[in-house]
Amino acid sequence: RCSHVTGVQTCALPILSSEEELQIVCGAHNVKENILVPVALHGAKLPNDVKIKKGKLRGVESFGMICSAKELGFEDKVIPAVHKEGIWVLPEGLTVGDDIVEALDLEDYIVDFEITPNRADCLSMTGMAREGAVTMEKSFSMPNTSCEFSGHGDMKDFVSVEIEDENLCNRYVARLVTDVKIQESPWWLQYRLMKSGVRPINNIVDITNYVMLEYGQPLHAFDMRQIKSGKIAVAGAKAGEEFVTLDGETRLMNKGDTLIKDGDRPVAIGGIMGGLNSQVEEDTETILIESANFNRDKIRKTSKALGLRTESSSRFEKGVDPGICHKAADRACQLIEAVGAGKVLKESVDIYTRVCSGTYCKVRPEHVNKVLGTDIDKKYMKDVLESLEIKVEDQGEFFGVTAPTFRKDLVIEEDYIEEIARIYG
């Protein structure tokens, strides 16, 4: 991404008479004494063939330029919120004089995949890792989700959850985190989000976005101070009901749209966007993490009617595996503990109204070869299907196969023939 940047290194701002003087000198609002910043020295090359040369600025000799993230080639939409309008304040732990590309590990590659609508499971890093493991005949394992559960208190003393309409939501998992400390995320977490086209906001929001990209399961964090009733309910909206979303826009809801409510008060549009009235703030101390499975058709309809499409809605409308709700919530909690952002309660809420199971089908090896015009060994077919986490029972003339819950595209025999064909090559 930044291989075209040369001659830029880290620099510590000197101690001047005041922070006000620093802001005047640097022309930025986010400067403080002794922060670490990127500086392009005389002869440096920046994006768009910009070359830095020594000269005079207001009569004072200048031998370089302090840089913003934008000046180093990052798009506006991914620049961390706290640095969006000023110079780039670098993370702690770097050494003054380090080359910026090496110090921040910016010499990297990004692979851009175009995912077809039937493969919603591949809208995640774990989904792509699973595919890669099968292709390269490697082992695959999910991320670590073990927690210390150092939070104190009983879940039921904080909140209860109810799904009022099962047609809107099939599963709702809630976890609670106390002693929350809102701050910037570690650089490794911010940079992975930036490379995925997501702007870092703060450690809690960043972790929910990170897990969404990792698992394909959208999450949302509520400030528990704003859940006044102590009760979360998934319910249908009333016709004409107004709700202000996180972007500050007032949305006019249609009857039956999915709302997450604090008693009778909406706090989020389920599966699409949270509300301004319950967002995580700088002084938030306790959060509720939501990991739910919403009706894909309802989400698609509401998103289209509101003209509001998000990373969350784009996944839900294609179909998200209800089997990963709890795993994704646990992963978020594990990351929160790992970066020191809070303490997790051991108890959780998990309402699963209709437990989903994979589709069963018969696959005839003889028919597979007939359709493909091949002579593939029966054992190879079984190995391929099992490597894709498909349950296979050898019944002699046919395989009894059951698709994993994350493969909603596997329904009829031809779907399994296609799987064998694409792995066979």
Protein backbone atom coordinates (compact mmCIF):
# COMPACT_ATOMS: atom_id res chain seq x y z
CA ARG A 1 0.00 0.00 0.00
CA CYS A 2 2.77 2.45 0.89
CA SER A 3 5.72 1.08 -1.10
CA HIS A 4 5.67 4.35 -3.06
CA VAL A 5 6.52 6.33 0.10
CA THR A 6 10.21 6.96 0.74
CA GLY A 7 12.15 9.27 3.01
CA VAL A 8 9.46 9.45 5.70
CA GLN A 9 10.42 8.67 9.27
CA THR A 10 9.16 9.07 12.82
CA CYS A 11 9.87 12.27 14.68
CA ALA A 12 9.12 13.51 18.21
CA LEU A 13 7.71 17.05 18.36
CA PRO A 14 9.98 19.28 20.48
CA ILE A 15 8.89 20.93 23.69
CA LEU A 16 7.86 24.49 22.88
CA SER A 17 6.46 27.13 25.22
CA SER A 18 2.88 25.82 25.00
CA GLU A 19 0.55 23.43 23.22
CA GLU A 20 -1.09 26.51 21.71
CA GLU A 21 2.21 27.46 20.09
CA LEU A 22 2.60 23.89 18.79
CA GLN A 23 -0.85 24.07 17.21
CA ILE A 24 0.02 27.36 15.53
CA VAL A 25 3.33 26.00 14.22
CA CYS A 26 1.83 22.73 12.97
CA GLY A 27 -1.55 24.05 11.86
CA ALA A 28 -3.33 21.13 13.52
CA HIS A 29 -5.63 20.73 16.49
CA ASN A 30 -4.45 17.32 17.72
CA VAL A 31 -0.84 18.12 18.64
CA LYS A 32 0.68 17.87 22.09
CA GLU A 33 4.21 18.05 23.41
CA ASN A 34 6.45 15.04 22.66
CA ILE A 35 3.98 13.12 20.49
CA LEU A 36 5.46 10.94 17.76
CA VAL A 37 4.60 12.00 14.21
CA PRO A 38 5.65 11.09 10.63
CA VAL A 39 7.93 13.65 8.99
CA ALA A 40 8.91 13.76 5.30
CA LEU A 41 12.47 15.07 5.07
CA HIS A 42 14.12 16.91 2.20
CA GLY A 43 14.16 14.55 -0.79
CA ALA A 44 11.25 12.42 0.42
CA LYS A 45 8.73 11.05 -2.09
CA LEU A 46 5.01 10.96 -1.26
CA PRO A 47 2.04 9.65 -3.27
CA ASN A 48 1.09 11.34 -6.57
CA ASP A 49 4.77 12.08 -7.26
CA VAL A 50 4.98 14.72 -4.52
CA LYS A 51 8.62 15.48 -3.63
CA ILE A 52 9.59 17.32 -0.47
CA LYS A 53 12.27 19.99 -0.79
CA LYS A 54 13.80 22.36 1.71
CA GLY A 55 12.60 25.92 1.52
CA LYS A 56 11.26 28.81 3.53
CA LEU A 57 7.88 28.99 5.24
CA ARG A 58 6.92 32.41 6.64
CA GLY A 59 10.56 33.36 6.53
CA VAL A 60 11.71 30.29 8.46
CA GLU A 61 13.83 27.58 6.85
CA SER A 62 11.97 24.26 6.48
CA PHE A 63 13.74 20.94 5.89
CA GLY A 64 10.69 18.73 5.77
CA MET A 65 6.96 18.34 6.39
CA ILE A 66 4.97 16.76 9.20
CA CYS A 67 2.44 14.45 7.52
CA SER A 68 -1.18 13.51 7.92
CA ALA A 69 -2.34 9.98 7.11
CA LYS A 70 -3.94 11.34 3.92
CA GLU A 71 -0.62 12.79 2.76
CA LEU A 72 0.89 9.31 3.14
CA GLY A 73 -1.68 7.80 0.78
CA PHE A 74 -4.51 6.61 3.04
CA GLU A 75 -8.06 7.25 1.85
CA ASP A 76 -10.27 9.58 3.88
CA LYS A 77 -12.75 6.81 4.66
CA VAL A 78 -10.19 4.70 6.57
CA ILE A 79 -8.17 7.32 8.43
CA PRO A 80 -8.68 6.83 12.21
CA ALA A 81 -11.40 9.18 13.45
CA VAL A 82 -9.16 10.84 16.03
CA HIS A 83 -6.57 11.79 13.36
CA LYS A 84 -8.92 12.54 10.48
CA GLU A 85 -8.59 16.34 10.63
CA GLY A 86 -4.98 16.72 11.71
CA ILE A 87 -1.47 15.36 11.59
CA TRP A 88 -1.04 11.66 12.20
CA VAL A 89 -0.10 10.98 15.82
CA LEU A 90 1.75 7.66 15.73
CA PRO A 91 1.29 4.83 18.25
CA GLU A 92 3.63 4.49 21.20
CA GLY A 93 6.53 2.06 21.12
CA LEU A 94 8.23 3.36 17.98
CA THR A 95 11.76 4.77 17.94
CA VAL A 96 12.49 8.29 16.75
CA GLY A 97 14.10 8.15 13.32
CA ASP A 98 12.52 4.84 12.24
CA ASP A 99 11.54 4.55 8.59
CA ILE A 100 7.74 4.90 8.62
CA VAL A 101 7.12 2.04 6.17
CA GLU A 102 9.15 -0.39 8.26
CA ALA A 103 8.02 0.93 11.65
CA LEU A 104 4.31 0.48 10.84
CA ASP A 105 4.77 -2.56 8.59
CA LEU A 106 3.14 -0.71 5.68
CA GLU A 107 4.86 -2.79 2.98
CA ASP A 108 1.97 -5.18 2.56
CA TYR A 109 -0.34 -6.83 0.04
CA ILE A 110 -4.11 -6.76 -0.11
CA VAL A 111 -6.07 -9.43 -2.01
CA ASP A 112 -9.47 -8.24 -3.22
CA PHE A 113 -12.03 -11.01 -3.71
CA GLU A 114 -15.31 -10.69 -5.56
CA ILE A 115 -17.79 -12.88 -3.69
CA THR A 116 -20.87 -14.21 -5.48
CA PRO A 117 -24.21 -13.72 -3.63
CA ASN A 118 -24.65 -17.46 -2.95
CA ARG A 119 -21.43 -17.66 -0.91
CA ALA A 120 -22.27 -15.45 2.07
CA ASP A 121 -19.96 -17.62 4.19
CA CYS A 122 -17.00 -16.15 2.31
CA LEU A 123 -17.78 -12.60 3.46
CA SER A 124 -15.41 -13.29 6.35
CA MET A 125 -11.75 -14.06 6.97
CA THR A 126 -12.61 -17.42 8.54
CA GLY A 127 -14.72 -18.31 5.50
CA MET A 128 -11.86 -17.52 3.12
CA ALA A 129 -9.37 -19.30 5.40
CA ARG A 130 -11.58 -22.39 5.34
CA GLU A 131 -11.64 -22.31 1.53
CA GLY A 132 -7.89 -21.75 1.37
CA ALA A 133 -7.23 -24.67 3.71
CA VAL A 134 -9.26 -27.04 1.51
CA THR A 135 -7.61 -25.80 -1.68
CA MET A 136 -4.07 -26.15 -0.31
CA GLU A 137 -4.84 -29.27 1.76
CA LYS A 138 -3.96 -27.53 5.03
CA SER A 139 -5.59 -27.73 8.45
CA PHE A 140 -8.09 -25.07 9.51
CA SER A 141 -8.87 -23.81 13.00
CA MET A 142 -11.07 -21.04 14.35
CA PRO A 143 -9.66 -18.15 16.45
CA ASN A 144 -9.18 -18.45 20.18
CA THR A 145 -12.25 -17.31 22.18
CA SER A 146 -11.21 -18.21 25.74
CA CYS A 147 -11.84 -15.48 28.32
CA GLU A 148 -10.71 -14.87 31.90
CA PHE A 149 -14.22 -13.68 32.89
CA SER A 150 -12.85 -11.18 35.39
CA GLY A 151 -16.03 -9.08 35.46
CA HIS A 152 -18.11 -9.01 38.62
CA GLY A 153 -21.88 -9.24 38.89
CA ASP A 154 -24.80 -11.30 37.66
CA MET A 155 -26.09 -10.87 34.11
CA LYS A 156 -29.72 -10.86 35.21
CA ASP A 157 -29.02 -7.90 37.49
CA PHE A 158 -28.02 -5.83 34.46
CA VAL A 159 -30.37 -6.80 31.64
CA SER A 160 -32.94 -9.24 30.31
CA VAL A 161 -33.67 -10.06 26.65
CA GLU A 162 -36.90 -10.95 24.87
CA ILE A 163 -37.66 -11.75 21.23
CA GLU A 164 -41.26 -10.54 20.83
CA ASP A 165 -41.53 -11.60 17.16
CA GLU A 166 -39.70 -14.80 16.14
CA ASN A 167 -40.16 -13.90 12.47
CA LEU A 168 -37.77 -10.99 12.95
CA CYS A 169 -34.96 -12.69 14.85
CA ASN A 170 -34.02 -16.35 15.18
CA ARG A 171 -31.26 -15.99 17.78
CA TYR A 172 -30.09 -13.27 20.15
CA VAL A 173 -26.89 -13.55 22.18
CA ALA A 174 -25.92 -10.86 24.69
CA ARG A 175 -22.70 -10.51 26.68
CA LEU A 176 -21.81 -7.88 29.26
CA VAL A 177 -18.50 -6.09 29.80
CA THR A 178 -17.77 -3.93 32.86
CA ASP A 179 -14.89 -1.57 33.77
CA VAL A 180 -14.70 -0.45 30.15
CA LYS A 181 -11.86 1.89 29.13
CA ILE A 182 -12.56 3.69 25.85
CA GLN A 183 -9.37 4.56 23.97
CA GLU A 184 -7.61 4.05 20.66
CA SER A 185 -7.10 0.47 19.53
CA PRO A 186 -3.62 -1.02 19.19
CA TRP A 187 -2.02 -0.26 15.82
CA TRP A 188 -2.25 -3.86 14.56
CA LEU A 189 -6.03 -3.77 15.04
CA GLN A 190 -6.45 -0.34 13.46
CA TYR A 191 -4.30 -1.23 10.46
CA ARG A 192 -6.18 -4.45 9.72
CA LEU A 193 -9.44 -2.50 9.74
CA MET A 194 -7.97 0.20 7.49
CA LYS A 195 -6.78 -2.39 4.99
CA SER A 196 -10.33 -3.77 4.94
CA GLY A 197 -11.82 -0.35 4.20
CA VAL A 198 -13.09 0.34 7.74
CA ARG A 199 -12.31 3.50 9.73
CA PRO A 200 -10.99 2.91 13.29
CA ILE A 201 -13.17 4.69 15.89
CA ASN A 202 -12.29 3.38 19.36
CA ASN A 203 -11.29 0.05 20.89
CA ILE A 204 -14.85 -1.23 21.50
CA VAL A 205 -16.31 -0.24 18.13
CA ASP A 206 -13.15 -1.44 16.37
CA ILE A 207 -13.40 -4.87 17.99
CA THR A 208 -17.04 -5.31 16.94
CA ASN A 209 -16.07 -4.39 13.37
CA TYR A 210 -13.01 -6.65 13.49
CA VAL A 211 -15.08 -9.66 14.56
CA MET A 212 -17.65 -8.91 11.84
CA LEU A 213 -14.86 -9.05 9.23
CA GLU A 214 -13.32 -12.12 10.86
CA TYR A 215 -16.49 -14.20 11.42
CA GLY A 216 -19.02 -12.58 9.08
CA GLN A 217 -21.26 -12.00 12.12
CA PRO A 218 -22.26 -8.35 12.67
CA LEU A 219 -22.10 -7.20 16.29
CA HIS A 220 -23.31 -4.10 18.09
CA ALA A 221 -22.29 -2.51 21.41
CA PHE A 222 -24.78 -0.61 23.58
CA ASP A 223 -23.89 1.77 26.41
CA MET A 224 -25.70 0.13 29.33
CA ARG A 225 -26.36 3.53 30.93
CA GLN A 226 -28.78 4.18 28.10
CA ILE A 227 -30.74 0.93 28.53
CA LYS A 228 -32.98 2.59 31.09
CA SER A 229 -35.50 -0.22 31.50
CA GLY A 230 -32.90 -2.95 31.91
CA LYS A 231 -34.71 -4.88 29.18
CA ILE A 232 -33.78 -5.47 25.53
CA ALA A 233 -36.61 -6.50 23.22
CA VAL A 234 -36.61 -7.42 19.52
CA ALA A 235 -39.91 -6.09 18.19
CA GLY A 236 -41.62 -4.81 15.06
CA ALA A 237 -41.79 -1.07 14.41
CA LYS A 238 -45.01 0.89 14.28
CA ALA A 239 -45.94 2.59 11.00
CA GLY A 240 -44.39 6.05 10.91
CA GLU A 241 -42.25 5.51 14.03
CA GLU A 242 -39.24 7.85 14.01
CA PHE A 243 -35.73 6.83 15.01
CA VAL A 244 -32.38 8.68 14.92
CA THR A 245 -29.53 6.42 13.77
CA LEU A 246 -25.82 6.70 14.60
CA ASP A 247 -25.22 8.92 11.56
CA GLY A 248 -27.54 11.55 13.02
CA GLU A 249 -30.28 10.97 10.44
CA THR A 250 -33.94 10.64 11.45
CA ARG A 251 -35.42 7.49 9.92
CA LEU A 252 -39.12 6.94 9.34
CA MET A 253 -39.86 3.29 10.01
CA ASN A 254 -42.42 1.10 8.27
CA LYS A 255 -44.71 -1.26 10.13
CA GLY A 256 -42.95 -4.49 11.03
CA ASP A 257 -39.36 -3.25 10.56
CA THR A 258 -36.98 -4.86 13.04
CA LEU A 259 -36.21 -2.66 16.03
CA ILE A 260 -34.15 -3.31 19.14
CA LYS A 261 -35.98 -1.62 22.00
CA ASP A 262 -35.21 -0.49 25.52
CA GLY A 263 -38.69 -1.09 26.86
CA ASP A 264 -40.81 0.91 24.40
CA ARG A 265 -37.91 3.11 23.22
CA PRO A 266 -35.98 2.08 20.05
CA VAL A 267 -32.19 1.93 20.47
CA ALA A 268 -31.21 0.26 17.14
CA ILE A 269 -32.54 -0.86 13.79
CA GLY A 270 -31.85 -4.58 14.06
CA GLY A 271 -29.16 -5.78 11.67
CA ILE A 272 -28.65 -2.38 10.04
CA MET A 273 -27.53 0.45 12.36
CA GLY A 274 -27.51 1.42 16.00
CA GLY A 275 -29.08 4.51 17.52
CA LEU A 276 -27.56 7.82 18.52
CA ASN A 277 -29.29 7.44 21.89
CA SER A 278 -27.29 4.37 22.96
CA GLN A 279 -23.90 4.70 21.30
CA VAL A 280 -20.63 4.03 23.12
CA GLU A 281 -19.17 7.30 24.47
CA GLU A 282 -15.75 8.26 25.83
CA ASP A 283 -16.97 7.83 29.41
CA THR A 284 -18.89 4.56 28.85
CA GLU A 285 -18.15 2.09 31.65
CA THR A 286 -20.43 -0.88 30.92
CA ILE A 287 -21.46 -2.24 27.53
CA LEU A 288 -23.82 -4.86 26.20
CA ILE A 289 -22.56 -6.77 23.16
CA GLU A 290 -25.29 -7.94 20.80
CA SER A 291 -24.71 -10.89 18.46
CA ALA A 292 -27.99 -11.77 16.76
CA ASN A 293 -29.37 -13.57 13.73
CA PHE A 294 -31.99 -11.47 11.96
CA ASN A 295 -34.43 -12.43 9.19
CA ARG A 296 -32.59 -11.87 5.91
CA ASP A 297 -35.73 -10.91 3.96
CA LYS A 298 -36.81 -8.37 6.58
CA ILE A 299 -33.34 -6.80 6.65
CA ARG A 300 -33.22 -6.54 2.85
CA LYS A 301 -36.66 -4.94 2.70
CA THR A 302 -35.96 -2.42 5.49
CA SER A 303 -32.52 -1.52 4.15
CA LYS A 304 -33.97 -0.82 0.70
CA ALA A 305 -36.93 1.16 2.04
CA LEU A 306 -34.69 3.37 4.20
CA GLY A 307 -31.99 3.73 1.56
CA LEU A 308 -29.55 2.62 4.26
CA ARG A 309 -27.08 -0.12 3.35
CA THR A 310 -24.31 -1.00 5.80
CA GLU A 311 -21.62 -3.66 6.20
CA SER A 312 -24.01 -5.31 8.65
CA SER A 313 -27.10 -5.28 6.42
CA SER A 314 -25.12 -6.49 3.40
CA ARG A 315 -24.23 -9.64 5.34
CA PHE A 316 -27.59 -10.27 6.96
CA GLU A 317 -29.50 -9.92 3.69
CA LYS A 318 -27.37 -12.69 2.15
CA GLY A 319 -27.83 -14.97 5.15
CA VAL A 320 -25.66 -15.30 8.26
CA ASP A 321 -25.07 -18.62 10.03
CA PRO A 322 -26.99 -18.60 13.35
CA GLY A 323 -24.52 -21.17 14.65
CA ILE A 324 -21.75 -18.57 15.08
CA CYS A 325 -23.65 -16.00 17.18
CA HIS A 326 -22.20 -17.12 20.50
CA LYS A 327 -18.73 -17.81 19.09
CA ALA A 328 -18.53 -14.31 17.61
CA ALA A 329 -19.66 -12.71 20.88
CA ASP A 330 -17.06 -14.75 22.78
CA ARG A 331 -14.36 -13.69 20.30
CA ALA A 332 -15.24 -10.02 20.84
CA CYS A 333 -15.01 -10.54 24.59
CA GLN A 334 -11.68 -12.30 24.26
CA LEU A 335 -10.27 -9.38 22.24
CA ILE A 336 -11.66 -6.84 24.72
CA GLU A 337 -9.78 -8.59 27.52
CA ALA A 338 -6.66 -8.98 25.37
CA VAL A 339 -6.36 -5.22 24.69
CA GLY A 340 -7.34 -4.26 28.25
CA ALA A 341 -10.61 -2.60 27.24
CA GLY A 342 -12.82 -4.17 29.92
CA LYS A 343 -13.78 -7.13 32.10
CA VAL A 344 -16.19 -9.80 30.84
CA LEU A 345 -19.00 -11.41 32.84
CA LYS A 346 -19.05 -15.20 32.65
CA GLU A 347 -22.82 -15.45 32.21
CA SER A 348 -24.49 -14.63 28.91
CA VAL A 349 -27.96 -14.53 27.37
CA ASP A 350 -28.66 -16.87 24.45
CA ILE A 351 -32.20 -17.07 23.06
CA TYR A 352 -32.37 -19.50 20.13
CA THR A 353 -35.98 -19.85 18.98
CA ARG A 354 -35.57 -22.30 16.09
CA VAL A 355 -32.32 -24.26 16.07
CA CYS A 356 -31.07 -24.52 12.49
CA SER A 357 -29.65 -27.68 10.98
CA GLY A 358 -28.05 -28.22 7.61
CA THR A 359 -29.99 -29.51 4.59
CA TYR A 360 -29.87 -33.29 3.98
CA CYS A 361 -29.41 -34.68 0.47
CA LYS A 362 -28.38 -37.86 -1.40
CA VAL A 363 -25.32 -37.77 -3.64
CA ARG A 364 -24.68 -40.66 -6.06
CA PRO A 365 -20.98 -41.09 -6.95
CA GLU A 366 -21.91 -42.76 -10.26
CA HIS A 367 -24.13 -39.79 -11.13
CA VAL A 368 -21.35 -37.36 -10.19
CA ASN A 369 -18.99 -38.91 -12.76
CA LYS A 370 -21.77 -39.08 -15.35
CA VAL A 371 -22.55 -35.37 -15.01
CA LEU A 372 -18.89 -34.30 -14.98
CA GLY A 373 -17.63 -36.75 -17.59
CA THR A 374 -14.97 -37.92 -15.16
CA ASP A 375 -13.79 -41.06 -13.40
CA ILE A 376 -13.24 -39.67 -9.91
CA ASP A 377 -12.65 -42.17 -7.13
CA LYS A 378 -15.47 -42.52 -4.59
CA LYS A 379 -13.09 -42.07 -1.65
CA TYR A 380 -11.78 -38.83 -3.16
CA MET A 381 -15.34 -37.51 -3.40
CA LYS A 382 -15.96 -38.33 0.26
CA ASP A 383 -12.68 -36.72 1.32
CA VAL A 384 -13.49 -33.52 -0.61
CA LEU A 385 -16.96 -33.22 0.91
CA GLU A 386 -15.70 -33.86 4.43
CA SER A 387 -12.87 -31.34 4.01
CA LEU A 388 -15.61 -28.76 3.35
CA GLU A 389 -17.14 -29.69 6.73
CA ILE A 390 -20.02 -31.54 5.06
CA LYS A 391 -21.25 -34.54 7.06
CA VAL A 392 -21.05 -37.68 4.87
CA GLU A 393 -22.60 -41.10 5.52
CA ASP A 394 -21.60 -43.81 3.02
CA GLN A 395 -24.77 -45.75 2.14
CA GLY A 396 -23.22 -47.87 -0.62
CA GLU A 397 -24.83 -46.57 -3.82
CA PHE A 398 -25.08 -43.05 -2.47
CA PHE A 399 -23.75 -40.66 0.16
CA GLY A 400 -26.15 -39.22 2.69
CA VAL A 401 -24.81 -35.68 3.05
CA THR A 402 -25.74 -32.87 5.46
CA ALA A 403 -24.52 -29.34 4.79
CA PRO A 404 -22.97 -27.28 7.60
CA THR A 405 -25.20 -24.42 8.75
CA PHE A 406 -22.89 -21.82 7.15
CA ARG A 407 -23.45 -23.32 3.66
CA LYS A 408 -26.99 -22.27 2.83
CA ASP A 409 -26.25 -22.71 -0.89
CA LEU A 410 -26.01 -26.53 -0.62
CA VAL A 411 -29.53 -27.84 -1.23
CA ILE A 412 -29.74 -30.35 -4.11
CA GLU A 413 -27.45 -33.06 -5.48
CA GLU A 414 -26.08 -30.82 -8.23
CA ASP A 415 -24.81 -28.38 -5.59
CA TYR A 416 -22.59 -31.12 -4.14
CA ILE A 417 -21.46 -32.19 -7.61
CA GLU A 418 -20.30 -28.62 -8.14
CA GLU A 419 -18.32 -28.75 -4.89
CA ILE A 420 -16.53 -31.91 -5.97
CA ALA A 421 -15.85 -30.45 -9.42
CA ARG A 422 -14.36 -27.16 -8.24
CA ILE A 423 -11.99 -28.81 -5.75
CA TYR A 424 -11.05 -31.53 -8.24
CA GLY A 425 -10.21 -28.78 -10.74
